[in-house]
Amino acid sequence: MKSIAIAFSLSTLLAITAAPAFASHALESSVKAKVDLPAGATLYIFLNGKMAKEDAYGRAVMLRPGEVIAARDGRQIAAVGNEVARLDYLLREGHGG
């Protein structure tokens, strides 16, 4: 009986410690590219080509389709879509970058 309790405790401990590692991959696996923007913001380009923007405080913010966004490296990127709800969900679940 004692060995069952120890095995259960070990499996529970492993599940708890491994969960955050798997959780962080949800955003990474659905993003094709991550572009740094001025003032600490980040632009996420999802696999389907749509985009979402995270501000410097880690919040998903509105993005107007067609809006021209200046990247930190000087590139000009035209926004495609507004995946604010998708990014907000991933950030609230703790998958933020």
Protein backbone atom coordinates (compact mmCIF):
# COMPACT_ATOMS: atom_id res chain seq x y z
CA MET A 1 0.00 0.00 0.00
CA LYS A 2 2.86 2.34 0.83
CA SER A 3 4.49 1.79 -2.60
CA ILE A 4 1.20 2.71 -4.34
CA ALA A 5 1.02 5.97 -2.37
CA ILE A 6 4.64 6.79 -3.25
CA ALA A 7 4.05 6.01 -6.94
CA PHE A 8 0.93 8.16 -6.95
CA SER A 9 2.79 11.02 -5.26
CA LEU A 10 5.64 10.79 -7.76
CA SER A 11 3.31 10.72 -10.77
CA THR A 12 1.36 13.69 -9.40
CA LEU A 13 4.56 15.64 -8.80
CA LEU A 14 5.81 14.91 -12.32
CA ALA A 15 2.48 15.96 -13.84
CA ILE A 16 2.48 19.25 -11.94
CA THR A 17 6.05 20.13 -12.90
CA ALA A 18 5.65 19.09 -16.54
CA ALA A 19 2.38 20.96 -17.13
CA PRO A 20 3.95 24.44 -17.41
CA ALA A 21 6.53 23.13 -19.87
CA PHE A 22 3.82 21.80 -22.19
CA ALA A 23 1.62 24.86 -21.69
CA SER A 24 4.25 27.27 -23.01
CA HIS A 25 4.31 25.41 -26.32
CA ALA A 26 0.70 26.27 -27.20
CA LEU A 27 1.59 29.78 -28.36
CA GLU A 28 4.93 28.76 -29.87
CA SER A 29 3.41 25.94 -31.89
CA SER A 30 0.68 28.14 -33.38
CA VAL A 31 3.01 31.04 -34.30
CA LYS A 32 4.98 31.18 -37.54
CA ALA A 33 6.94 34.31 -36.58
CA LYS A 34 7.37 36.66 -33.66
CA VAL A 35 8.39 40.25 -34.50
CA ASP A 36 9.73 42.69 -31.91
CA LEU A 37 8.15 46.13 -32.08
CA PRO A 38 9.28 49.44 -30.59
CA ALA A 39 8.55 50.12 -26.90
CA GLY A 40 8.57 46.42 -26.01
CA ALA A 41 5.51 45.31 -27.97
CA THR A 42 5.42 42.07 -29.98
CA LEU A 43 3.64 41.11 -33.18
CA TYR A 44 2.67 37.45 -33.56
CA ILE A 45 2.13 35.99 -37.02
CA PHE A 46 0.12 32.78 -36.74
CA LEU A 47 0.46 29.80 -39.06
CA ASN A 48 -2.61 30.86 -41.05
CA GLY A 49 -1.00 34.28 -41.75
CA LYS A 50 -3.24 36.27 -39.41
CA MET A 51 -1.65 38.51 -36.82
CA ALA A 52 -2.04 39.65 -33.22
CA LYS A 53 -0.22 42.24 -31.16
CA GLU A 54 0.92 42.11 -27.52
CA ASP A 55 1.80 45.36 -25.77
CA ALA A 56 4.78 45.87 -23.49
CA TYR A 57 2.67 44.89 -20.46
CA GLY A 58 1.76 41.46 -21.83
CA ARG A 59 -1.79 42.32 -22.94
CA ALA A 60 -3.35 41.54 -26.30
CA VAL A 61 -4.30 44.79 -28.04
CA MET A 62 -6.50 45.61 -31.03
CA LEU A 63 -4.93 45.59 -34.45
CA ARG A 64 -6.62 47.13 -37.48
CA PRO A 65 -6.37 44.97 -40.62
CA GLY A 66 -4.20 46.82 -43.12
CA GLU A 67 -2.50 48.89 -40.42
CA VAL A 68 1.20 49.38 -41.19
CA ILE A 69 3.33 48.36 -38.24
CA ALA A 70 6.97 49.37 -37.87
CA ALA A 71 9.19 46.60 -36.54
CA ARG A 72 12.12 47.32 -34.27
CA ASP A 73 14.54 46.44 -37.09
CA GLY A 74 12.93 49.02 -39.42
CA ARG A 75 10.69 46.73 -41.50
CA GLN A 76 7.19 47.88 -42.34
CA ILE A 77 4.56 45.14 -41.94
CA ALA A 78 0.96 45.40 -43.12
CA ALA A 79 -1.36 43.77 -40.56
CA VAL A 80 -3.49 40.86 -41.71
CA GLY A 81 -6.50 40.08 -39.55
CA ASN A 82 -7.00 40.82 -35.89
CA GLU A 83 -6.51 37.75 -33.74
CA VAL A 84 -6.80 39.67 -30.47
CA ALA A 85 -9.20 37.13 -28.92
CA ARG A 86 -6.95 34.21 -29.83
CA LEU A 87 -3.86 35.88 -28.37
CA ASP A 88 -5.75 37.06 -25.29
CA TYR A 89 -6.85 33.48 -24.59
CA LEU A 90 -3.30 32.14 -24.95
CA LEU A 91 -1.87 34.90 -22.74
CA ARG A 92 -4.52 34.38 -20.04
CA GLU A 93 -3.76 30.67 -20.00
CA GLY A 94 -0.13 31.53 -19.24
CA HIS A 95 1.35 30.82 -22.65
CA GLY A 96 2.76 34.29 -23.17
CA GLY A 97 6.19 35.06 -24.42
